[in-house]
Amino acid sequence: MLAPGALASAIVMVLLGKLSTKIDARVLIAMGAVGTSGVIFQLAAITPQTGTDDLFWPLVWRVQKNL
């Protein structure tokens, strides 16, 4: 269940390595904060009945906090 998020994280890290020289760090930090806020709102709806299908995209999108 965590593999897609780990793969997305690896891809984002490579992209950020290239973007960090072209985009101001404050912009990247702001994008990461907005992305993390979105994931928090998605995960706020978790209940004991939440399945793995419901957690797939929030776990993939949480890699934005690496921004």
PDB file of N, CA and C in Angstrom:
ATOM      1  N   MET A   1       0.822  -1.190   0.000  1.00  0.00           N
ATOM      2  CA  MET A   1       0.000   0.000   0.000  1.00  0.00           C
ATOM      3  C   MET A   1       0.870   1.259   0.000  1.00  0.00           C
ATOM      4  N   LEU A   2       2.060   1.184   0.545  1.00  0.00           N
ATOM      5  CA  LEU A   2       2.931   2.353   0.599  1.00  0.00           C
ATOM      6  C   LEU A   2       3.835   2.484  -0.629  1.00  0.00           C
ATOM      7  N   ALA A   3       3.909   1.462  -1.453  1.00  0.00           N
ATOM      8  CA  ALA A   3       4.801   1.482  -2.612  1.00  0.00           C
ATOM      9  C   ALA A   3       4.490   2.609  -3.602  1.00  0.00           C
ATOM     10  N   PRO A   4       3.222   2.881  -3.949  1.00  0.00           N
ATOM     11  CA  PRO A   4       2.967   3.985  -4.891  1.00  0.00           C
ATOM     12  C   PRO A   4       3.435   5.336  -4.355  1.00  0.00           C
ATOM     13  N   GLY A   5       3.269   5.575  -3.073  1.00  0.00           N
ATOM     14  CA  GLY A   5       3.735   6.821  -2.474  1.00  0.00           C
ATOM     15  C   GLY A   5       5.250   6.918  -2.496  1.00  0.00           C
ATOM     16  N   ALA A   6       5.926   5.800  -2.268  1.00  0.00           N
ATOM     17  CA  ALA A   6       7.388   5.794  -2.298  1.00  0.00           C
ATOM     18  C   ALA A   6       7.901   6.045  -3.714  1.00  0.00           C
ATOM     19  N   LEU A   7       7.246   5.467  -4.698  1.00  0.00           N
ATOM     20  CA  LEU A   7       7.625   5.690  -6.089  1.00  0.00           C
ATOM     21  C   LEU A   7       7.403   7.148  -6.488  1.00  0.00           C
ATOM     22  N   ALA A   8       6.266   7.684  -6.105  1.00  0.00           N
ATOM     23  CA  ALA A   8       5.979   9.096  -6.391  1.00  0.00           C
ATOM     24  C   ALA A   8       6.993  10.000  -5.695  1.00  0.00           C
ATOM     25  N   SER A   9       7.386   9.647  -4.492  1.00  0.00           N
ATOM     26  CA  SER A   9       8.369  10.429  -3.756  1.00  0.00           C
ATOM     27  C   SER A   9       9.708  10.440  -4.477  1.00  0.00           C
ATOM     28  N   ALA A  10      10.120   9.307  -5.002  1.00  0.00           N
ATOM     29  CA  ALA A  10      11.385   9.230  -5.737  1.00  0.00           C
ATOM     30  C   ALA A  10      11.342  10.115  -6.977  1.00  0.00           C
ATOM     31  N   ILE A  11      10.225  10.111  -7.680  1.00  0.00           N
ATOM     32  CA  ILE A  11      10.079  10.930  -8.884  1.00  0.00           C
ATOM     33  C   ILE A  11      10.095  12.416  -8.534  1.00  0.00           C
ATOM     34  N   VAL A  12       9.370  12.786  -7.482  1.00  0.00           N
ATOM     35  CA  VAL A  12       9.304  14.196  -7.083  1.00  0.00           C
ATOM     36  C   VAL A  12      10.668  14.695  -6.622  1.00  0.00           C
ATOM     37  N   MET A  13      11.432  13.865  -5.934  1.00  0.00           N
ATOM     38  CA  MET A  13      12.747  14.298  -5.478  1.00  0.00           C
ATOM     39  C   MET A  13      13.676  14.609  -6.649  1.00  0.00           C
ATOM     40  N   VAL A  14      13.615  13.802  -7.688  1.00  0.00           N
ATOM     41  CA  VAL A  14      14.442  14.065  -8.866  1.00  0.00           C
ATOM     42  C   VAL A  14      14.012  15.370  -9.528  1.00  0.00           C
ATOM     43  N   LEU A  15      12.695  15.567  -9.666  1.00  0.00           N
ATOM     44  CA  LEU A  15      12.197  16.796 -10.283  1.00  0.00           C
ATOM     45  C   LEU A  15      12.552  18.028  -9.456  1.00  0.00           C
ATOM     46  N   LEU A  16      12.452  17.912  -8.146  1.00  0.00           N
ATOM     47  CA  LEU A  16      12.774  19.049  -7.292  1.00  0.00           C
ATOM     48  C   LEU A  16      14.251  19.399  -7.321  1.00  0.00           C
ATOM     49  N   GLY A  17      15.089  18.408  -7.524  1.00  0.00           N
ATOM     50  CA  GLY A  17      16.509  18.680  -7.651  1.00  0.00           C
ATOM     51  C   GLY A  17      16.790  19.593  -8.841  1.00  0.00           C
ATOM     52  N   LYS A  18      16.050  19.387  -9.912  1.00  0.00           N
ATOM     53  CA  LYS A  18      16.225  20.216 -11.102  1.00  0.00           C
ATOM     54  C   LYS A  18      15.502  21.551 -10.969  1.00  0.00           C
ATOM     55  N   LEU A  19      14.336  21.555 -10.319  1.00  0.00           N
ATOM     56  CA  LEU A  19      13.559  22.786 -10.173  1.00  0.00           C
ATOM     57  C   LEU A  19      14.150  23.743  -9.143  1.00  0.00           C
ATOM     58  N   SER A  20      14.849  23.214  -8.163  1.00  0.00           N
ATOM     59  CA  SER A  20      15.332  24.060  -7.070  1.00  0.00           C
ATOM     60  C   SER A  20      16.329  25.114  -7.539  1.00  0.00           C
ATOM     61  N   THR A  21      16.964  24.894  -8.676  1.00  0.00           N
ATOM     62  CA  THR A  21      17.893  25.893  -9.189  1.00  0.00           C
ATOM     63  C   THR A  21      17.184  26.952 -10.026  1.00  0.00           C
ATOM     64  N   LYS A  22      15.941  26.683 -10.418  1.00  0.00           N
ATOM     65  CA  LYS A  22      15.221  27.597 -11.301  1.00  0.00           C
ATOM     66  C   LYS A  22      14.083  28.345 -10.621  1.00  0.00           C
ATOM     67  N   ILE A  23      13.554  27.783  -9.536  1.00  0.00           N
ATOM     68  CA  ILE A  23      12.408  28.373  -8.849  1.00  0.00           C
ATOM     69  C   ILE A  23      12.827  28.732  -7.424  1.00  0.00           C
ATOM     70  N   ASP A  24      12.359  29.864  -6.954  1.00  0.00           N
ATOM     71  CA  ASP A  24      12.668  30.320  -5.601  1.00  0.00           C
ATOM     72  C   ASP A  24      12.189  29.298  -4.566  1.00  0.00           C
ATOM     73  N   ALA A  25      12.993  29.064  -3.564  1.00  0.00           N
ATOM     74  CA  ALA A  25      12.673  28.073  -2.536  1.00  0.00           C
ATOM     75  C   ALA A  25      11.367  28.409  -1.812  1.00  0.00           C
ATOM     76  N   ARG A  26      11.079  29.702  -1.644  1.00  0.00           N
ATOM     77  CA  ARG A  26       9.836  30.089  -0.952  1.00  0.00           C
ATOM     78  C   ARG A  26       8.607  29.632  -1.722  1.00  0.00           C
ATOM     79  N   VAL A  27       8.688  29.659  -3.034  1.00  0.00           N
ATOM     80  CA  VAL A  27       7.565  29.199  -3.863  1.00  0.00           C
ATOM     81  C   VAL A  27       7.386  27.692  -3.699  1.00  0.00           C
ATOM     82  N   LEU A  28       8.491  26.959  -3.703  1.00  0.00           N
ATOM     83  CA  LEU A  28       8.410  25.507  -3.531  1.00  0.00           C
ATOM     84  C   LEU A  28       7.857  25.149  -2.148  1.00  0.00           C
ATOM     85  N   ILE A  29       8.267  25.894  -1.132  1.00  0.00           N
ATOM     86  CA  ILE A  29       7.760  25.654   0.221  1.00  0.00           C
ATOM     87  C   ILE A  29       6.261  25.939   0.290  1.00  0.00           C
ATOM     88  N   ALA A  30       5.818  27.009  -0.336  1.00  0.00           N
ATOM     89  CA  ALA A  30       4.391  27.344  -0.354  1.00  0.00           C
ATOM     90  C   ALA A  30       3.594  26.265  -1.072  1.00  0.00           C
ATOM     91  N   MET A  31       4.118  25.764  -2.188  1.00  0.00           N
ATOM     92  CA  MET A  31       3.429  24.691  -2.909  1.00  0.00           C
ATOM     93  C   MET A  31       3.325  23.440  -2.038  1.00  0.00           C
ATOM     94  N   GLY A  32       4.377  23.136  -1.309  1.00  0.00           N
ATOM     95  CA  GLY A  32       4.357  21.981  -0.416  1.00  0.00           C
ATOM     96  C   GLY A  32       3.350  22.150   0.714  1.00  0.00           C
ATOM     97  N   ALA A  33       3.250  23.358   1.251  1.00  0.00           N
ATOM     98  CA  ALA A  33       2.286  23.618   2.329  1.00  0.00           C
ATOM     99  C   ALA A  33       0.850  23.472   1.828  1.00  0.00           C
ATOM    100  N   VAL A  34       0.584  23.991   0.641  1.00  0.00           N
ATOM    101  CA  VAL A  34      -0.764  23.866   0.064  1.00  0.00           C
ATOM    102  C   VAL A  34      -1.085  22.400  -0.211  1.00  0.00           C
ATOM    103  N   GLY A  35      -0.118  21.673  -0.761  1.00  0.00           N
ATOM    104  CA  GLY A  35      -0.332  20.252  -1.032  1.00  0.00           C
ATOM    105  C   GLY A  35      -0.579  19.447   0.231  1.00  0.00           C
ATOM    106  N   THR A  36       0.200  19.725   1.264  1.00  0.00           N
ATOM    107  CA  THR A  36       0.019  19.029   2.538  1.00  0.00           C
ATOM    108  C   THR A  36      -1.341  19.337   3.147  1.00  0.00           C
ATOM    109  N   SER A  37      -1.779  20.584   3.042  1.00  0.00           N
ATOM    110  CA  SER A  37      -3.110  20.952   3.552  1.00  0.00           C
ATOM    111  C   SER A  37      -4.208  20.177   2.837  1.00  0.00           C
ATOM    112  N   GLY A  38      -4.065  20.037   1.528  1.00  0.00           N
ATOM    113  CA  GLY A  38      -5.058  19.272   0.763  1.00  0.00           C
ATOM    114  C   GLY A  38      -5.118  17.818   1.198  1.00  0.00           C
ATOM    115  N   VAL A  39      -3.963  17.230   1.424  1.00  0.00           N
ATOM    116  CA  VAL A  39      -3.918  15.831   1.862  1.00  0.00           C
ATOM    117  C   VAL A  39      -4.521  15.684   3.251  1.00  0.00           C
ATOM    118  N   ILE A  40      -4.267  16.646   4.121  1.00  0.00           N
ATOM    119  CA  ILE A  40      -4.837  16.596   5.471  1.00  0.00           C
ATOM    120  C   ILE A  40      -6.363  16.609   5.399  1.00  0.00           C
ATOM    121  N   PHE A  41      -6.911  17.441   4.525  1.00  0.00           N
ATOM    122  CA  PHE A  41      -8.367  17.472   4.378  1.00  0.00           C
ATOM    123  C   PHE A  41      -8.901  16.164   3.812  1.00  0.00           C
ATOM    124  N   GLN A  42      -8.165  15.542   2.892  1.00  0.00           N
ATOM    125  CA  GLN A  42      -8.584  14.248   2.361  1.00  0.00           C
ATOM    126  C   GLN A  42      -8.554  13.174   3.444  1.00  0.00           C
ATOM    127  N   LEU A  43      -7.526  13.190   4.262  1.00  0.00           N
ATOM    128  CA  LEU A  43      -7.378  12.165   5.293  1.00  0.00           C
ATOM    129  C   LEU A  43      -8.264  12.415   6.504  1.00  0.00           C
ATOM    130  N   ALA A  44      -8.867  13.593   6.605  1.00  0.00           N
ATOM    131  CA  ALA A  44      -9.749  13.892   7.736  1.00  0.00           C
ATOM    132  C   ALA A  44     -11.010  13.040   7.697  1.00  0.00           C
ATOM    133  N   ALA A  45     -11.332  12.480   6.551  1.00  0.00           N
ATOM    134  CA  ALA A  45     -12.561  11.691   6.408  1.00  0.00           C
ATOM    135  C   ALA A  45     -12.346  10.209   6.700  1.00  0.00           C
ATOM    136  N   ILE A  46     -11.193   9.832   7.244  1.00  0.00           N
ATOM    137  CA  ILE A  46     -10.922   8.422   7.520  1.00  0.00           C
ATOM    138  C   ILE A  46     -11.816   7.926   8.652  1.00  0.00           C
ATOM    139  N   THR A  47     -12.386   6.764   8.442  1.00  0.00           N
ATOM    140  CA  THR A  47     -13.195   6.091   9.455  1.00  0.00           C
ATOM    141  C   THR A  47     -12.676   4.663   9.598  1.00  0.00           C
ATOM    142  N   PRO A  48     -13.171   3.915  10.562  1.00  0.00           N
ATOM    143  CA  PRO A  48     -12.759   2.514  10.666  1.00  0.00           C
ATOM    144  C   PRO A  48     -13.130   1.689   9.431  1.00  0.00           C
ATOM    145  N   GLN A  49     -14.081   2.166   8.634  1.00  0.00           N
ATOM    146  CA  GLN A  49     -14.494   1.450   7.425  1.00  0.00           C
ATOM    147  C   GLN A  49     -13.692   1.859   6.189  1.00  0.00           C
ATOM    148  N   THR A  50     -12.736   2.758   6.343  1.00  0.00           N
ATOM    149  CA  THR A  50     -11.934   3.224   5.217  1.00  0.00           C
ATOM    150  C   THR A  50     -11.067   2.080   4.706  1.00  0.00           C
ATOM    151  N   GLY A  51     -11.123   1.866   3.394  1.00  0.00           N
ATOM    152  CA  GLY A  51     -10.351   0.794   2.778  1.00  0.00           C
ATOM    153  C   GLY A  51      -9.089   1.302   2.122  1.00  0.00           C
ATOM    154  N   THR A  52      -8.322   0.375   1.592  1.00  0.00           N
ATOM    155  CA  THR A  52      -7.068   0.745   0.954  1.00  0.00           C
ATOM    156  C   THR A  52      -7.294   1.577  -0.304  1.00  0.00           C
ATOM    157  N   ASP A  53      -8.402   1.365  -0.996  1.00  0.00           N
ATOM    158  CA  ASP A  53      -8.696   2.160  -2.190  1.00  0.00           C
ATOM    159  C   ASP A  53      -8.900   3.630  -1.836  1.00  0.00           C
ATOM    160  N   ASP A  54      -9.455   3.891  -0.670  1.00  0.00           N
ATOM    161  CA  ASP A  54      -9.685   5.270  -0.230  1.00  0.00           C
ATOM    162  C   ASP A  54      -8.392   5.966   0.186  1.00  0.00           C
ATOM    163  N   LEU A  55      -7.379   5.204   0.522  1.00  0.00           N
ATOM    164  CA  LEU A  55      -6.122   5.776   0.989  1.00  0.00           C
ATOM    165  C   LEU A  55      -5.077   5.903  -0.111  1.00  0.00           C
ATOM    166  N   PHE A  56      -5.325   5.318  -1.275  1.00  0.00           N
ATOM    167  CA  PHE A  56      -4.318   5.293  -2.331  1.00  0.00           C
ATOM    168  C   PHE A  56      -3.867   6.691  -2.734  1.00  0.00           C
ATOM    169  N   TRP A  57      -4.786   7.545  -3.197  1.00  0.00           N
ATOM    170  CA  TRP A  57      -4.404   8.871  -3.675  1.00  0.00           C
ATOM    171  C   TRP A  57      -3.898   9.796  -2.578  1.00  0.00           C
ATOM    172  N   PRO A  58      -4.497   9.815  -1.398  1.00  0.00           N
ATOM    173  CA  PRO A  58      -3.903  10.661  -0.359  1.00  0.00           C
ATOM    174  C   PRO A  58      -2.464  10.270  -0.019  1.00  0.00           C
ATOM    175  N   LEU A  59      -2.152   8.970  -0.057  1.00  0.00           N
ATOM    176  CA  LEU A  59      -0.783   8.548   0.226  1.00  0.00           C
ATOM    177  C   LEU A  59       0.163   8.900  -0.913  1.00  0.00           C
ATOM    178  N   VAL A  60      -0.340   8.934  -2.132  1.00  0.00           N
ATOM    179  CA  VAL A  60       0.490   9.356  -3.258  1.00  0.00           C
ATOM    180  C   VAL A  60       0.690  10.869  -3.208  1.00  0.00           C
ATOM    181  N   TRP A  61      -0.367  11.624  -2.926  1.00  0.00           N
ATOM    182  CA  TRP A  61      -0.269  13.088  -2.924  1.00  0.00           C
ATOM    183  C   TRP A  61       0.505  13.623  -1.735  1.00  0.00           C
ATOM    184  N   ARG A  62       0.660  12.831  -0.695  1.00  0.00           N
ATOM    185  CA  ARG A  62       1.383  13.324   0.478  1.00  0.00           C
ATOM    186  C   ARG A  62       2.842  13.574   0.173  1.00  0.00           C
ATOM    187  N   VAL A  63       3.354  13.047  -0.931  1.00  0.00           N
ATOM    188  CA  VAL A  63       4.755  13.295  -1.275  1.00  0.00           C
ATOM    189  C   VAL A  63       4.986  14.766  -1.605  1.00  0.00           C
ATOM    190  N   GLN A  64       3.921  15.518  -1.815  1.00  0.00           N
ATOM    191  CA  GLN A  64       4.078  16.942  -2.086  1.00  0.00           C
ATOM    192  C   GLN A  64       4.681  17.658  -0.892  1.00  0.00           C
ATOM    193  N   LYS A  65       4.578  17.071   0.276  1.00  0.00           N
ATOM    194  CA  LYS A  65       5.191  17.723   1.433  1.00  0.00           C
ATOM    195  C   LYS A  65       6.697  17.769   1.298  1.00  0.00           C
ATOM    196  N   ASN A  66       7.248  16.989   0.350  1.00  0.00           N
ATOM    197  CA  ASN A  66       8.686  17.056   0.088  1.00  0.00           C
ATOM    198  C   ASN A  66       9.073  18.330  -0.642  1.00  0.00           C
ATOM    199  N   LEU A  67       8.067  19.056  -1.156  1.00  0.00           N
ATOM    200  CA  LEU A  67       8.390  20.271  -1.900  1.00  0.00           C
ATOM    201  C   LEU A  67       9.011  21.313  -1.019  1.00  0.00           C
TER     202      LEU A  67
END
